Amino acid sequence: MSHPKRIQEGFRGQRLVVLPARVREEARTNPLLRGLLVTDAGIFPNAKSHFIERKGGAPTTLFMACLAGQGWVRLGDGPKLTVSPGMLAWLPANLPHSYGAAKK
């Protein structure tokens, strides 16, 4: 039995903006910005087969909002939690995690 292809990014309609490293580093030294810094922002519509696994976590905190469809998220060795439209997921920096789109 073959497994469906898993895709990290490159979806139709995807938009992603990432702050340059120089801007991120400068903002991290600003006492008003360092705790609120958004480094990446994007939208991933039509994200069928989306899958990410980071055994060492990400260097930044991730905030995801599900607008349509369904997916899941797992923090560390915890249970796989379903994410549906209107739900938010918060993934702290440096915490192992994985997430993806539902099979359907």
N, C-alpha and C. Protein backbone atom coordinates (compact mmCIF):
# COMPACT_ATOMS: atom_id res chain seq x y z
N MET A 1 0.85 -1.18 0.00
CA MET A 1 0.00 0.00 0.00
C MET A 1 0.90 1.24 0.00
N SER A 2 0.67 2.14 -0.91
CA SER A 2 1.50 3.35 -0.98
C SER A 2 0.92 4.45 -0.10
N HIS A 3 1.79 5.30 0.39
CA HIS A 3 1.38 6.43 1.22
C HIS A 3 1.31 7.67 0.35
N PRO A 4 0.33 8.57 0.64
CA PRO A 4 0.25 9.80 -0.16
C PRO A 4 1.50 10.66 0.05
N LYS A 5 1.86 11.40 -0.98
CA LYS A 5 3.01 12.29 -0.90
C LYS A 5 2.76 13.37 0.15
N ARG A 6 3.76 13.64 0.98
CA ARG A 6 3.68 14.68 2.00
C ARG A 6 4.41 15.90 1.48
N ILE A 7 3.79 17.07 1.63
CA ILE A 7 4.32 18.31 1.08
C ILE A 7 4.52 19.33 2.19
N GLN A 8 5.69 19.97 2.25
CA GLN A 8 5.94 21.01 3.25
C GLN A 8 5.38 22.35 2.80
N GLU A 9 5.60 22.71 1.56
CA GLU A 9 5.04 23.94 1.02
C GLU A 9 5.10 23.89 -0.50
N GLY A 10 4.51 24.91 -1.13
CA GLY A 10 4.44 24.95 -2.58
C GLY A 10 3.03 24.71 -3.08
N PHE A 11 2.04 25.15 -2.30
CA PHE A 11 0.64 24.93 -2.64
C PHE A 11 0.10 26.03 -3.55
N ARG A 12 -0.87 25.68 -4.36
CA ARG A 12 -1.53 26.67 -5.21
C ARG A 12 -2.10 27.78 -4.34
N GLY A 13 -1.77 29.03 -4.65
CA GLY A 13 -2.27 30.18 -3.90
C GLY A 13 -1.49 30.50 -2.63
N GLN A 14 -0.43 29.76 -2.35
CA GLN A 14 0.37 30.00 -1.14
C GLN A 14 1.02 31.37 -1.19
N ARG A 15 1.03 32.05 -0.04
CA ARG A 15 1.74 33.32 0.10
C ARG A 15 2.52 33.24 1.40
N LEU A 16 3.80 33.63 1.37
CA LEU A 16 4.63 33.57 2.56
C LEU A 16 5.58 34.75 2.56
N VAL A 17 5.63 35.46 3.69
CA VAL A 17 6.53 36.60 3.85
C VAL A 17 7.39 36.31 5.08
N VAL A 18 8.69 36.43 4.92
CA VAL A 18 9.63 36.18 6.01
C VAL A 18 10.52 37.42 6.17
N LEU A 19 10.60 37.94 7.40
CA LEU A 19 11.46 39.09 7.64
C LEU A 19 12.93 38.70 7.42
N PRO A 20 13.70 39.56 6.80
CA PRO A 20 15.13 39.28 6.64
C PRO A 20 15.82 39.16 8.01
N ALA A 21 16.87 38.37 8.07
CA ALA A 21 17.59 38.12 9.33
C ALA A 21 18.04 39.42 9.99
N ARG A 22 18.51 40.37 9.21
CA ARG A 22 18.98 41.65 9.77
C ARG A 22 17.85 42.38 10.50
N VAL A 23 16.67 42.37 9.93
CA VAL A 23 15.52 43.04 10.55
C VAL A 23 15.09 42.30 11.82
N ARG A 24 15.09 40.97 11.77
CA ARG A 24 14.74 40.17 12.96
C ARG A 24 15.69 40.44 14.11
N GLU A 25 16.98 40.44 13.83
CA GLU A 25 17.97 40.66 14.89
C GLU A 25 17.85 42.06 15.48
N GLU A 26 17.62 43.04 14.65
CA GLU A 26 17.47 44.41 15.15
C GLU A 26 16.22 44.54 16.02
N ALA A 27 15.13 43.92 15.60
CA ALA A 27 13.88 43.99 16.37
C ALA A 27 14.03 43.27 17.71
N ARG A 28 14.81 42.19 17.76
CA ARG A 28 14.99 41.45 19.02
C ARG A 28 15.72 42.26 20.08
N THR A 29 16.42 43.30 19.69
CA THR A 29 17.10 44.14 20.66
C THR A 29 16.22 45.28 21.16
N ASN A 30 15.06 45.46 20.54
CA ASN A 30 14.13 46.52 20.93
C ASN A 30 13.22 45.99 22.03
N PRO A 31 13.22 46.62 23.22
CA PRO A 31 12.42 46.11 24.33
C PRO A 31 10.92 46.08 24.05
N LEU A 32 10.44 46.92 23.13
CA LEU A 32 9.01 46.93 22.81
C LEU A 32 8.63 45.85 21.80
N LEU A 33 9.56 45.38 21.01
CA LEU A 33 9.26 44.43 19.95
C LEU A 33 9.67 42.99 20.24
N ARG A 34 10.69 42.79 21.05
CA ARG A 34 11.28 41.45 21.16
C ARG A 34 10.30 40.37 21.60
N GLY A 35 9.31 40.69 22.40
CA GLY A 35 8.33 39.69 22.81
C GLY A 35 7.15 39.56 21.89
N LEU A 36 7.07 40.40 20.89
CA LEU A 36 5.91 40.40 19.98
C LEU A 36 6.30 40.19 18.53
N LEU A 37 7.52 39.86 18.28
CA LEU A 37 8.04 39.83 16.92
C LEU A 37 7.44 38.70 16.08
N VAL A 38 6.77 39.08 15.00
CA VAL A 38 6.28 38.12 14.01
C VAL A 38 7.35 38.06 12.93
N THR A 39 7.92 36.88 12.73
CA THR A 39 9.01 36.75 11.76
C THR A 39 8.55 36.21 10.41
N ASP A 40 7.50 35.40 10.42
CA ASP A 40 6.98 34.79 9.20
C ASP A 40 5.46 34.89 9.23
N ALA A 41 4.87 35.16 8.08
CA ALA A 41 3.41 35.19 7.98
C ALA A 41 3.05 34.62 6.62
N GLY A 42 2.03 33.80 6.61
CA GLY A 42 1.65 33.23 5.33
C GLY A 42 0.26 32.65 5.35
N ILE A 43 -0.18 32.29 4.17
CA ILE A 43 -1.45 31.60 4.01
C ILE A 43 -1.19 30.41 3.09
N PHE A 44 -1.73 29.27 3.47
CA PHE A 44 -1.52 28.04 2.73
C PHE A 44 -2.88 27.44 2.34
N PRO A 45 -3.55 28.03 1.37
CA PRO A 45 -4.83 27.45 0.94
C PRO A 45 -4.57 26.18 0.13
N ASN A 46 -5.57 25.36 0.04
CA ASN A 46 -5.44 24.14 -0.77
C ASN A 46 -4.23 23.32 -0.34
N ALA A 47 -4.06 23.15 0.97
CA ALA A 47 -2.86 22.51 1.51
C ALA A 47 -3.02 21.00 1.69
N LYS A 48 -3.61 20.35 0.73
CA LYS A 48 -3.77 18.90 0.79
C LYS A 48 -2.38 18.25 0.90
N SER A 49 -2.24 17.30 1.77
CA SER A 49 -1.00 16.54 2.01
C SER A 49 0.08 17.36 2.73
N HIS A 50 -0.29 18.51 3.31
CA HIS A 50 0.69 19.32 4.04
C HIS A 50 1.16 18.55 5.27
N PHE A 51 2.47 18.53 5.50
CA PHE A 51 3.03 17.82 6.64
C PHE A 51 4.37 18.44 7.02
N ILE A 52 4.53 18.74 8.31
CA ILE A 52 5.78 19.26 8.85
C ILE A 52 6.10 18.48 10.12
N GLU A 53 7.36 18.09 10.26
CA GLU A 53 7.83 17.46 11.51
C GLU A 53 9.16 18.10 11.87
N ARG A 54 9.21 18.68 13.07
CA ARG A 54 10.44 19.31 13.56
C ARG A 54 10.80 18.67 14.90
N LYS A 55 11.72 17.73 14.87
CA LYS A 55 12.11 17.00 16.08
C LYS A 55 12.81 17.90 17.09
N GLY A 56 13.42 18.99 16.62
CA GLY A 56 14.07 19.95 17.51
C GLY A 56 13.25 21.21 17.70
N GLY A 57 12.05 21.22 17.16
CA GLY A 57 11.21 22.41 17.23
C GLY A 57 11.67 23.45 16.22
N ALA A 58 11.06 24.62 16.30
CA ALA A 58 11.42 25.74 15.44
C ALA A 58 12.08 26.80 16.31
N PRO A 59 12.95 27.63 15.75
CA PRO A 59 13.61 28.65 16.56
C PRO A 59 12.67 29.78 16.98
N THR A 60 11.49 29.83 16.39
CA THR A 60 10.52 30.87 16.74
C THR A 60 9.19 30.23 17.13
N THR A 61 8.36 30.97 17.83
CA THR A 61 7.03 30.51 18.18
C THR A 61 6.15 30.55 16.94
N LEU A 62 5.34 29.51 16.75
CA LEU A 62 4.44 29.45 15.60
C LEU A 62 3.00 29.64 16.07
N PHE A 63 2.25 30.41 15.33
CA PHE A 63 0.83 30.64 15.59
C PHE A 63 0.11 30.32 14.30
N MET A 64 -0.82 29.39 14.36
CA MET A 64 -1.55 29.00 13.16
C MET A 64 -3.04 29.14 13.39
N ALA A 65 -3.73 29.60 12.36
CA ALA A 65 -5.18 29.72 12.39
C ALA A 65 -5.75 28.87 11.26
N CYS A 66 -6.68 27.99 11.59
CA CYS A 66 -7.33 27.17 10.58
C CYS A 66 -8.58 27.92 10.11
N LEU A 67 -8.61 28.24 8.82
CA LEU A 67 -9.73 28.98 8.25
C LEU A 67 -10.71 28.07 7.51
N ALA A 68 -10.22 26.96 7.00
CA ALA A 68 -11.07 26.02 6.26
C ALA A 68 -10.40 24.65 6.27
N GLY A 69 -11.16 23.63 6.02
CA GLY A 69 -10.60 22.29 5.99
C GLY A 69 -10.36 21.77 7.39
N GLN A 70 -9.44 20.83 7.51
CA GLN A 70 -9.13 20.25 8.82
C GLN A 70 -7.70 19.74 8.82
N GLY A 71 -7.09 19.76 9.98
CA GLY A 71 -5.73 19.26 10.12
C GLY A 71 -5.51 18.75 11.53
N TRP A 72 -4.25 18.68 11.90
CA TRP A 72 -3.89 18.19 13.23
C TRP A 72 -2.57 18.81 13.64
N VAL A 73 -2.31 18.74 14.94
CA VAL A 73 -1.05 19.23 15.49
C VAL A 73 -0.65 18.33 16.66
N ARG A 74 0.65 18.11 16.83
CA ARG A 74 1.16 17.33 17.96
C ARG A 74 2.35 18.07 18.55
N LEU A 75 2.33 18.28 19.85
CA LEU A 75 3.44 18.91 20.56
C LEU A 75 4.20 17.85 21.33
N GLY A 76 5.51 17.79 21.10
CA GLY A 76 6.32 16.79 21.79
C GLY A 76 5.80 15.39 21.54
N ASP A 77 5.69 14.61 22.61
CA ASP A 77 5.16 13.25 22.51
C ASP A 77 3.68 13.19 22.85
N GLY A 78 3.03 14.37 22.87
CA GLY A 78 1.62 14.44 23.21
C GLY A 78 0.73 13.83 22.16
N PRO A 79 -0.57 13.85 22.43
CA PRO A 79 -1.53 13.28 21.48
C PRO A 79 -1.67 14.15 20.23
N LYS A 80 -2.12 13.55 19.16
CA LYS A 80 -2.42 14.28 17.93
C LYS A 80 -3.78 14.96 18.14
N LEU A 81 -3.80 16.29 18.05
CA LEU A 81 -5.02 17.06 18.29
C LEU A 81 -5.59 17.54 16.95
N THR A 82 -6.88 17.41 16.79
CA THR A 82 -7.56 17.85 15.57
C THR A 82 -7.69 19.37 15.58
N VAL A 83 -7.46 19.97 14.42
CA VAL A 83 -7.62 21.41 14.24
C VAL A 83 -8.66 21.61 13.14
N SER A 84 -9.72 22.34 13.47
CA SER A 84 -10.83 22.59 12.55
C SER A 84 -11.00 24.09 12.33
N PRO A 85 -11.83 24.49 11.34
CA PRO A 85 -12.03 25.92 11.08
C PRO A 85 -12.42 26.69 12.35
N GLY A 86 -11.76 27.84 12.53
CA GLY A 86 -12.01 28.68 13.69
C GLY A 86 -11.10 28.38 14.87
N MET A 87 -10.29 27.35 14.76
CA MET A 87 -9.38 26.98 15.85
C MET A 87 -7.99 27.57 15.60
N LEU A 88 -7.28 27.80 16.70
CA LEU A 88 -5.92 28.34 16.66
C LEU A 88 -4.97 27.33 17.29
N ALA A 89 -3.74 27.31 16.81
CA ALA A 89 -2.70 26.46 17.40
C ALA A 89 -1.49 27.34 17.71
N TRP A 90 -0.93 27.17 18.89
CA TRP A 90 0.22 27.93 19.35
C TRP A 90 1.33 26.92 19.64
N LEU A 91 2.44 27.02 18.93
CA LEU A 91 3.55 26.09 19.09
C LEU A 91 4.75 26.86 19.61
N PRO A 92 5.11 26.68 20.88
CA PRO A 92 6.24 27.42 21.45
C PRO A 92 7.56 27.11 20.75
N ALA A 93 8.44 28.07 20.75
CA ALA A 93 9.77 27.90 20.14
C ALA A 93 10.52 26.74 20.80
N ASN A 94 11.30 26.06 20.02
CA ASN A 94 12.21 25.00 20.47
C ASN A 94 11.52 23.77 21.06
N LEU A 95 10.22 23.63 20.87
CA LEU A 95 9.49 22.46 21.35
C LEU A 95 9.24 21.54 20.15
N PRO A 96 9.66 20.27 20.23
CA PRO A 96 9.40 19.36 19.12
C PRO A 96 7.92 19.34 18.77
N HIS A 97 7.62 19.32 17.49
CA HIS A 97 6.22 19.32 17.07
C HIS A 97 6.08 18.77 15.65
N SER A 98 4.85 18.46 15.30
CA SER A 98 4.52 18.09 13.93
C SER A 98 3.09 18.55 13.70
N TYR A 99 2.77 18.80 12.44
CA TYR A 99 1.40 19.17 12.07
C TYR A 99 1.17 18.87 10.61
N GLY A 100 -0.09 18.81 10.24
CA GLY A 100 -0.39 18.53 8.85
C GLY A 100 -1.86 18.62 8.55
N ALA A 101 -2.18 18.42 7.28
CA ALA A 101 -3.56 18.42 6.81
C ALA A 101 -4.17 17.05 7.08
N ALA A 102 -5.48 17.04 7.30
CA ALA A 102 -6.18 15.77 7.46
C ALA A 102 -6.10 14.99 6.15
N LYS A 103 -6.21 13.69 6.22
CA LYS A 103 -6.11 12.85 5.02
C LYS A 103 -7.17 13.20 3.99
N LYS A 104 -8.34 13.62 4.45
CA LYS A 104 -9.42 14.00 3.54
C LYS A 104 -9.36 15.47 3.26
